[in-house]
Amino acid sequence: MRGWLNEFKVAAIESIVQELDAWIRQKLRCYPLKQRKRSWAIRTWLICLGVNEREAIKLEASSQEWWHLSQTPALHRGINKIF
């Protein structure tokens, strides 16, 4: 019983740390988007990061908030080169 409880504690903490890591990474992806407030600035920045021009235009034209835009696959591809 004692070993099972210790094993469960470690597993529970690990999942919390993974969730926190995912939230921090999303926040870090969201910050540069907020800095480039205009849509054309976001598009040119994404193209410089190596994102396909069509995907950059699609992300630029989106009316979603920064937090939701930071979850898009195009931004993941571009930002992963930085982080």
Protein backbone atom coordinates (compact mmCIF):
# COMPACT_ATOMS: atom_id res chain seq x y z
CA MET A 1 0.00 0.00 0.00
CA ARG A 2 2.77 2.40 0.86
CA GLY A 3 4.54 1.99 -2.49
CA TRP A 4 1.31 2.48 -4.44
CA LEU A 5 0.60 5.78 -2.69
CA ASN A 6 4.08 7.10 -3.44
CA GLU A 7 3.75 6.03 -7.07
CA PHE A 8 0.39 7.78 -7.35
CA LYS A 9 1.75 11.00 -5.84
CA VAL A 10 4.56 11.18 -8.37
CA ALA A 11 2.18 10.51 -11.27
CA ALA A 12 -0.26 13.19 -10.07
CA ILE A 13 2.49 15.78 -9.74
CA GLU A 14 3.88 14.91 -13.16
CA SER A 15 0.53 15.55 -14.84
CA ILE A 16 0.19 18.89 -13.07
CA VAL A 17 3.66 19.89 -14.23
CA GLN A 18 2.83 18.87 -17.81
CA GLU A 19 -0.36 20.94 -17.76
CA LEU A 20 1.54 23.92 -16.38
CA ASP A 21 4.23 23.51 -19.05
CA ALA A 22 1.60 23.43 -21.81
CA TRP A 23 -0.05 26.58 -20.44
CA ILE A 24 3.27 28.44 -20.23
CA ARG A 25 4.21 27.46 -23.78
CA GLN A 26 0.84 28.67 -25.06
CA LYS A 27 1.28 31.95 -23.21
CA LEU A 28 4.74 32.35 -24.79
CA ARG A 29 3.24 31.75 -28.25
CA CYS A 30 0.49 34.27 -27.55
CA TYR A 31 2.82 37.11 -26.50
CA PRO A 32 4.52 37.77 -29.88
CA LEU A 33 1.10 37.80 -31.56
CA LYS A 34 -0.07 40.52 -29.21
CA GLN A 35 3.06 42.55 -29.96
CA ARG A 36 2.21 42.57 -33.67
CA LYS A 37 -1.24 44.06 -33.32
CA ARG A 38 -1.93 44.61 -37.01
CA SER A 39 -2.84 41.76 -39.32
CA TRP A 40 -0.20 42.56 -41.96
CA ALA A 41 2.51 42.56 -39.27
CA ILE A 42 1.40 39.11 -38.12
CA ARG A 43 1.44 37.82 -41.70
CA THR A 44 4.91 39.13 -42.52
CA TRP A 45 6.28 37.84 -39.20
CA LEU A 46 4.87 34.37 -39.82
CA ILE A 47 6.27 34.29 -43.35
CA CYS A 48 9.69 35.25 -41.96
CA LEU A 49 9.39 32.33 -39.53
CA GLY A 50 8.88 29.96 -42.45
CA VAL A 51 5.12 29.47 -42.35
CA ASN A 52 3.42 28.93 -45.71
CA GLU A 53 2.05 32.21 -47.11
CA ARG A 54 -1.44 30.78 -47.52
CA GLU A 55 -1.55 29.65 -43.86
CA ALA A 56 -0.21 33.03 -42.73
CA ILE A 57 -2.96 34.84 -44.63
CA LYS A 58 -5.57 32.50 -43.17
CA LEU A 59 -4.31 33.16 -39.64
CA GLU A 60 -4.13 36.88 -40.32
CA ALA A 61 -7.76 37.00 -41.48
CA SER A 62 -9.04 35.10 -38.46
CA SER A 63 -11.23 36.99 -36.02
CA GLN A 64 -10.33 34.82 -33.04
CA GLU A 65 -8.62 36.15 -29.95
CA TRP A 66 -4.86 35.88 -29.32
CA TRP A 67 -5.25 32.89 -27.01
CA HIS A 68 -7.08 30.84 -29.64
CA LEU A 69 -4.73 31.91 -32.41
CA SER A 70 -1.79 30.67 -30.35
CA GLN A 71 -3.20 27.14 -30.66
CA THR A 72 -3.14 27.02 -34.46
CA PRO A 73 -0.83 24.56 -36.24
CA ALA A 74 0.71 27.30 -38.41
CA LEU A 75 1.87 29.21 -35.36
CA HIS A 76 3.18 26.01 -33.78
CA ARG A 77 5.35 25.35 -36.84
CA GLY A 78 6.74 28.88 -36.91
CA ILE A 79 7.31 29.36 -33.19
CA ASN A 80 8.87 25.96 -32.54
CA LYS A 81 11.94 27.18 -34.42
CA ILE A 82 12.35 29.95 -31.83
CA PHE A 83 11.57 28.10 -28.60
